[in-house]
Amino acid sequence: MLVGPTAGAIVVSSSKGAILPTTLANIAVDNNFRTANNGTAWAFFPFIADYFDFNEYHSTSNFDKMLSYLTQKDSKGNSKYFVIVSCGSGLFTSGGHYIVLIADNNGMITVYDPYLYAGKFNIASRREAEVVVDGNSVYVTEESFKVYANYKNFWIFSNDNIDKEINIPVTQKPTQIVQSVSYNTQVGSIYKLKARTILYADSAMSGPYYTYLKNTKIKVLSHVTDNIDYIYIPATGRYAYCYTNAYCSNAVSTVQISTVNQYKKLASRTILYANSNMRGTYYTYLANTKVKILKNVSSNVDYIYIEATKRYAYCYRNTYK
């Protein structure tokens, strides 16, 4: 079922921030969007719009209505919308398939195809569409798409990265701050996740992982470290490891000097947030991603800069190496 989540990951990564197809696949499975034949249910796409809090979302089976969104540009020429398309047997597949439309420039549609391979469009039944492939991009005219794509439905997502300018202070005088280091959770007690959270299959917090929504109930089974618990998720019957500050605010504190302007590496796959309340839009980054601390926001949250993607975000301080 990875084609559907891959199409979703293309849209989310383009509009909201980097996310892996496997992460989105886990979200789909955990929320029952896998079909009986191991495909992706259509209902997963409106779920994505809500889950990642897109500014706009639309759905239609009408080609011309879809084009009315895809052809819109901002002042810099960037597409205002991205479109996930369900296709039947035809130009892009011999069965069922999902693709992503990312632009329409003067009647030429730019397509990202999660299942693109050499010679895909150089067979008798597809040559008449006169598709052009350049790297990972597929280009097809509006008319050829309309005739040959055998489209079924369009899911339209706003490009929420448009016209954003961020002014970030990069210096701060060193001050003493309070950093949480030990959480008082009770074995056997039930808690709720405070925000969308990654839970891990191993105590190293670096292996297989699962994403759960805010308010998911968890039961603490044992304490692994001062800030990691082994837990049980009743809703899915899954066991996992979780950073304790994901559901507990009651902590023992110590004093630590400001870490502003220091460089750190993420200890494991980590969720970074666009908002200081650690809610709303978020991005997933891999272990060893290098970040620069711009501001100590609170006792357990930093404002950071990720050089590899030139993104600014908020991060829990216990996620560094």
Protein backbone atom coordinates (compact mmCIF):
# COMPACT_ATOMS: atom_id res chain seq x y z
CA MET A 1 0.00 0.00 0.00
CA LEU A 2 3.05 2.28 -0.18
CA VAL A 3 2.05 4.11 -3.41
CA GLY A 4 -0.81 6.00 -1.71
CA PRO A 5 1.30 7.06 1.31
CA THR A 6 4.15 8.00 -1.06
CA ALA A 7 1.81 10.30 -2.99
CA GLY A 8 0.67 11.76 0.33
CA ALA A 9 4.26 12.18 1.50
CA ILE A 10 5.10 14.15 -1.67
CA VAL A 11 2.29 16.60 -0.93
CA VAL A 12 2.98 16.88 2.80
CA SER A 13 6.73 17.31 2.26
CA SER A 14 6.14 19.98 -0.40
CA SER A 15 3.62 21.94 1.65
CA LYS A 16 4.34 21.25 5.31
CA GLY A 17 7.80 19.75 5.79
CA ALA A 18 9.77 16.55 5.23
CA ILE A 19 8.05 13.26 6.00
CA LEU A 20 8.95 9.74 4.89
CA PRO A 21 6.49 7.58 2.93
CA THR A 22 7.01 4.85 5.54
CA THR A 23 5.94 7.27 8.28
CA LEU A 24 2.75 8.08 6.39
CA ALA A 25 2.18 4.38 5.71
CA ASN A 26 2.37 3.68 9.45
CA ILE A 27 -0.15 6.47 10.07
CA ALA A 28 -2.47 4.96 7.43
CA VAL A 29 -2.27 1.48 8.93
CA ASP A 30 -2.67 2.69 12.52
CA ASN A 31 -5.82 4.59 11.51
CA ASN A 32 -7.37 1.76 9.45
CA PHE A 33 -6.91 3.18 5.95
CA ARG A 34 -5.44 0.00 4.46
CA THR A 35 -7.94 -1.73 2.16
CA ALA A 36 -8.64 -5.46 2.02
CA ASN A 37 -6.29 -5.83 -0.99
CA ASN A 38 -3.50 -3.91 0.82
CA GLY A 39 -4.18 -0.68 -1.06
CA THR A 40 -4.89 2.80 0.32
CA ALA A 41 -8.48 3.85 1.00
CA TRP A 42 -9.66 7.09 -0.63
CA ALA A 43 -10.69 8.30 2.84
CA PHE A 44 -7.00 8.55 3.77
CA PHE A 45 -6.55 11.73 1.73
CA PRO A 46 -9.11 13.93 3.53
CA PHE A 47 -7.65 12.45 6.72
CA ILE A 48 -4.22 13.77 5.64
CA ALA A 49 -5.72 17.23 5.14
CA ASP A 50 -7.03 17.26 8.70
CA TYR A 51 -4.07 15.45 10.28
CA PHE A 52 -1.54 17.93 8.91
CA ASP A 53 -3.85 20.96 9.20
CA PHE A 54 -3.76 22.13 5.57
CA ASN A 55 -5.12 25.63 5.04
CA GLU A 56 -7.28 24.41 2.14
CA TYR A 57 -8.51 21.04 0.93
CA HIS A 58 -10.89 20.17 -1.92
CA SER A 59 -12.03 17.00 -3.66
CA THR A 60 -13.56 16.58 -7.12
CA SER A 61 -13.85 14.15 -10.00
CA ASN A 62 -14.14 17.03 -12.49
CA PHE A 63 -10.98 17.62 -14.54
CA ASP A 64 -11.70 21.28 -15.32
CA LYS A 65 -12.46 22.10 -11.68
CA MET A 66 -9.18 20.48 -10.69
CA LEU A 67 -7.34 22.57 -13.31
CA SER A 68 -8.85 25.74 -11.88
CA TYR A 69 -6.75 25.07 -8.76
CA LEU A 70 -3.62 23.53 -10.32
CA THR A 71 -3.08 26.50 -12.67
CA GLN A 72 -2.98 29.04 -9.84
CA LYS A 73 0.41 30.60 -9.02
CA ASP A 74 1.73 32.97 -6.39
CA SER A 75 3.68 36.15 -7.16
CA LYS A 76 6.90 34.11 -7.51
CA GLY A 77 5.41 31.57 -9.90
CA ASN A 78 5.02 28.79 -7.34
CA SER A 79 2.00 26.50 -7.52
CA LYS A 80 -0.67 27.36 -4.98
CA TYR A 81 -2.05 23.80 -4.93
CA PHE A 82 -0.90 20.19 -5.25
CA VAL A 83 -3.19 17.41 -6.44
CA ILE A 84 -3.26 13.68 -5.67
CA VAL A 85 -4.95 11.69 -8.45
CA SER A 86 -6.46 8.22 -8.44
CA CYS A 87 -5.97 6.56 -11.83
CA GLY A 88 -7.30 3.37 -13.36
CA SER A 89 -5.71 1.31 -16.15
CA GLY A 90 -4.26 3.65 -18.76
CA LEU A 91 -1.36 6.08 -19.06
CA PHE A 92 0.10 5.62 -15.56
CA THR A 93 -0.87 2.08 -14.58
CA SER A 94 -2.28 -1.22 -15.72
CA GLY A 95 -4.31 -1.52 -12.52
CA GLY A 96 -4.92 1.12 -9.83
CA HIS A 97 -2.47 3.90 -9.00
CA TYR A 98 -1.95 7.27 -7.30
CA ILE A 99 0.10 10.13 -8.78
CA VAL A 100 0.73 13.75 -7.80
CA LEU A 101 0.28 16.84 -9.97
CA ILE A 102 2.50 19.65 -8.77
CA ALA A 103 2.17 22.31 -11.49
CA ASP A 104 0.49 23.34 -14.73
CA ASN A 105 2.56 25.68 -16.89
CA ASN A 106 0.92 26.89 -20.09
CA GLY A 107 -1.07 23.69 -20.53
CA MET A 108 1.76 21.30 -19.57
CA ILE A 109 1.16 19.36 -16.35
CA THR A 110 4.10 18.34 -14.17
CA VAL A 111 3.57 14.93 -12.57
CA TYR A 112 5.41 13.08 -9.80
CA ASP A 113 4.78 9.37 -10.27
CA PRO A 114 5.60 7.19 -7.20
CA TYR A 115 6.08 4.23 -9.57
CA LEU A 116 8.24 5.68 -12.34
CA TYR A 117 10.63 3.39 -14.17
CA ALA A 118 12.68 3.47 -17.38
CA GLY A 119 10.57 3.03 -20.50
CA LYS A 120 7.24 3.28 -18.68
CA PHE A 121 5.69 5.51 -21.34
CA ASN A 122 7.47 3.94 -24.31
CA ILE A 123 4.98 1.15 -24.96
CA ALA A 124 2.36 0.97 -27.68
CA SER A 125 -0.64 1.84 -25.51
CA ARG A 126 1.06 4.94 -24.03
CA ARG A 127 3.18 6.46 -26.83
CA GLU A 128 0.33 8.52 -28.28
CA ALA A 129 0.18 10.59 -25.08
CA GLU A 130 3.68 11.93 -25.97
CA VAL A 131 4.81 12.03 -22.36
CA VAL A 132 8.20 13.62 -21.60
CA VAL A 133 10.28 12.30 -18.70
CA ASP A 134 13.07 14.44 -17.22
CA GLY A 135 14.68 12.95 -14.12
CA ASN A 136 11.92 12.34 -11.57
CA SER A 137 9.44 14.62 -13.34
CA VAL A 138 6.86 13.57 -15.91
CA TYR A 139 5.37 16.14 -18.28
CA VAL A 140 2.07 15.63 -20.10
CA THR A 141 -0.27 18.06 -21.83
CA GLU A 142 -3.67 18.79 -20.33
CA GLU A 143 -5.35 17.23 -23.36
CA SER A 144 -3.31 14.02 -23.24
CA PHE A 145 -3.90 13.71 -19.51
CA LYS A 146 -7.62 14.13 -20.00
CA VAL A 147 -7.72 11.51 -22.77
CA TYR A 148 -5.27 8.87 -21.51
CA ALA A 149 -4.88 9.11 -17.72
CA ASN A 150 -8.18 7.38 -16.84
CA TYR A 151 -8.44 9.55 -13.74
CA LYS A 152 -11.05 8.71 -11.11
CA ASN A 153 -10.79 11.43 -8.48
CA PHE A 154 -8.69 14.45 -7.49
CA TRP A 155 -7.71 15.48 -3.94
CA ILE A 156 -6.49 19.08 -3.87
CA PHE A 157 -4.19 20.44 -1.13
CA SER A 158 -3.02 24.00 -0.60
CA ASN A 159 0.69 24.81 -0.79
CA ASP A 160 1.10 26.25 2.70
CA ASN A 161 4.76 27.16 2.11
CA ILE A 162 3.83 30.03 -0.23
CA ASP A 163 4.99 33.57 0.48
CA LYS A 164 6.31 32.79 3.96
CA GLU A 165 9.05 35.00 5.35
CA ILE A 166 10.56 34.26 8.73
CA ASN A 167 12.67 36.74 10.69
CA ILE A 168 14.61 34.83 13.31
CA PRO A 169 16.87 36.26 16.02
CA VAL A 170 20.08 34.21 15.97
CA THR A 171 21.78 35.49 19.08
CA GLN A 172 20.85 35.52 22.74
CA LYS A 173 22.84 36.37 25.87
CA PRO A 174 23.69 33.27 27.89
CA THR A 175 21.36 32.89 30.84
CA GLN A 176 20.60 30.21 33.35
CA ILE A 177 17.56 28.13 32.50
CA VAL A 178 15.75 25.27 34.16
CA GLN A 179 15.86 21.99 32.27
CA SER A 180 13.61 19.04 33.10
CA VAL A 181 15.53 15.81 33.56
CA SER A 182 13.32 13.36 35.44
CA TYR A 183 9.57 12.70 35.14
CA ASN A 184 7.31 11.37 37.87
CA THR A 185 5.09 8.89 36.05
CA GLN A 186 3.44 5.99 37.84
CA VAL A 187 3.70 2.40 36.63
CA GLY A 188 0.22 1.10 35.89
CA SER A 189 -1.27 4.57 35.40
CA ILE A 190 -3.13 5.74 32.29
CA TYR A 191 -2.04 8.97 30.53
CA LYS A 192 -2.95 10.81 27.33
CA LEU A 193 -0.46 12.00 24.70
CA LYS A 194 -0.20 15.80 24.74
CA ALA A 195 0.39 16.09 20.99
CA ARG A 196 0.97 13.98 17.88
CA THR A 197 3.81 11.69 18.99
CA ILE A 198 6.26 9.11 17.62
CA LEU A 199 6.45 5.92 19.68
CA TYR A 200 9.29 3.45 19.18
CA ALA A 201 9.55 -0.34 19.04
CA ASP A 202 12.88 -0.44 20.90
CA SER A 203 14.31 1.36 23.91
CA ALA A 204 17.14 2.86 21.86
CA MET A 205 14.47 5.09 20.28
CA SER A 206 16.01 4.55 16.84
CA GLY A 207 14.34 1.52 15.28
CA PRO A 208 10.81 0.87 13.96
CA TYR A 209 8.33 3.51 15.03
CA TYR A 210 4.64 4.40 15.03
CA THR A 211 2.86 7.76 15.00
CA TYR A 212 -0.09 8.38 17.31
CA LEU A 213 -2.50 11.29 17.62
CA LYS A 214 -2.99 13.74 20.47
CA ASN A 215 -5.11 12.37 23.36
CA THR A 216 -4.27 8.73 22.59
CA LYS A 217 -4.45 6.82 25.90
CA ILE A 218 -1.33 4.94 26.99
CA LYS A 219 -0.56 2.80 30.04
CA VAL A 220 2.89 2.98 31.68
CA LEU A 221 4.32 -0.53 32.15
CA SER A 222 7.83 0.31 33.38
CA HIS A 223 10.45 3.07 33.60
CA VAL A 224 13.38 2.58 31.22
CA THR A 225 15.29 5.80 32.03
CA ASP A 226 14.47 9.15 33.67
CA ASN A 227 12.67 10.25 30.49
CA ILE A 228 11.68 7.04 28.67
CA ASP A 229 8.83 4.68 29.61
CA TYR A 230 7.74 1.33 28.25
CA ILE A 231 4.04 1.65 27.48
CA TYR A 232 0.93 -0.12 26.18
CA ILE A 233 -1.56 1.48 23.76
CA PRO A 234 -5.01 -0.05 24.46
CA ALA A 235 -6.57 1.28 21.25
CA THR A 236 -4.21 -0.73 19.03
CA GLY A 237 -2.93 -3.42 21.41
CA ARG A 238 0.63 -2.27 20.67
CA TYR A 239 3.58 -2.07 23.07
CA ALA A 240 6.14 0.69 22.57
CA TYR A 241 8.67 3.06 24.11
CA CYS A 242 7.89 6.74 24.56
CA TYR A 243 9.62 9.89 25.80
CA THR A 244 7.90 10.65 29.09
CA ASN A 245 7.42 14.36 28.42
CA ALA A 246 4.99 13.38 25.64
CA TYR A 247 2.33 12.84 28.32
CA CYS A 248 3.74 14.04 31.65
CA SER A 249 4.55 17.57 32.81
CA ASN A 250 5.47 16.72 36.40
CA ALA A 251 9.28 16.79 36.47
CA VAL A 252 12.24 17.16 38.77
CA SER A 253 14.45 20.03 37.52
CA THR A 254 18.07 21.06 37.54
CA VAL A 255 19.77 24.30 36.45
CA GLN A 256 21.70 24.44 33.19
CA ILE A 257 23.50 27.23 31.30
CA SER A 258 21.96 28.44 28.03
CA THR A 259 22.78 26.37 24.95
CA VAL A 260 22.04 29.15 22.45
CA ASN A 261 24.24 29.05 19.30
CA GLN A 262 25.41 25.52 20.05
CA TYR A 263 25.16 22.79 17.40
CA LYS A 264 23.56 19.47 18.31
CA LYS A 265 22.66 16.22 16.55
CA LEU A 266 19.32 14.48 16.93
CA ALA A 267 19.70 11.25 18.87
CA SER A 268 16.99 9.43 16.92
CA ARG A 269 14.19 9.98 14.43
CA THR A 270 12.48 13.06 15.81
CA ILE A 271 9.38 15.20 15.30
CA LEU A 272 10.08 18.94 15.07
CA TYR A 273 7.23 21.42 15.29
CA ALA A 274 6.36 24.71 13.57
CA ASN A 275 4.77 26.10 16.75
CA SER A 276 6.25 26.62 20.21
CA ASN A 277 3.28 24.86 21.84
CA MET A 278 4.48 21.71 20.06
CA ARG A 279 1.22 21.32 18.18
CA GLY A 280 0.01 21.80 14.61
CA THR A 281 2.36 21.51 11.63
CA TYR A 282 5.33 19.20 12.20
CA TYR A 283 8.28 17.69 10.38
CA THR A 284 10.07 14.37 10.89
CA TYR A 285 13.87 14.27 10.82
CA LEU A 286 16.29 11.34 11.01
CA ALA A 287 18.87 10.54 13.67
CA ASN A 288 22.13 12.54 13.40
CA THR A 289 20.45 15.52 11.72
CA LYS A 290 22.52 18.57 12.68
CA VAL A 291 20.66 21.52 14.21
CA LYS A 292 21.65 24.91 15.60
CA ILE A 293 19.96 26.14 18.79
CA LEU A 294 18.68 29.70 18.31
CA LYS A 295 16.72 30.15 21.52
CA ASN A 296 15.93 28.28 24.72
CA VAL A 297 12.17 28.71 24.69
CA SER A 298 11.42 26.88 27.93
CA SER A 299 12.87 24.30 30.26
CA ASN A 300 12.43 21.55 27.68
CA VAL A 301 11.91 23.24 24.30
CA ASP A 302 14.43 24.92 21.96
CA TYR A 303 13.94 27.00 18.84
CA ILE A 304 16.34 25.59 16.23
CA TYR A 305 17.62 25.89 12.66
CA ILE A 306 18.14 22.82 10.46
CA GLU A 307 20.93 23.61 8.02
CA ALA A 308 20.25 20.68 5.68
CA THR A 309 16.75 21.90 4.83
CA LYS A 310 17.08 25.58 5.86
CA ARG A 311 14.04 25.14 8.09
CA TYR A 312 13.28 26.71 11.48
CA ALA A 313 11.40 24.65 14.06
CA TYR A 314 10.82 23.88 17.74
CA CYS A 315 12.34 20.79 19.33
CA TYR A 316 12.17 19.01 22.69
CA ARG A 317 15.60 19.37 24.31
CA ASN A 318 15.85 15.73 25.36
CA THR A 319 16.02 14.62 21.72
CA TYR A 320 19.67 15.67 21.23
CA LYS A 321 22.66 13.37 21.53
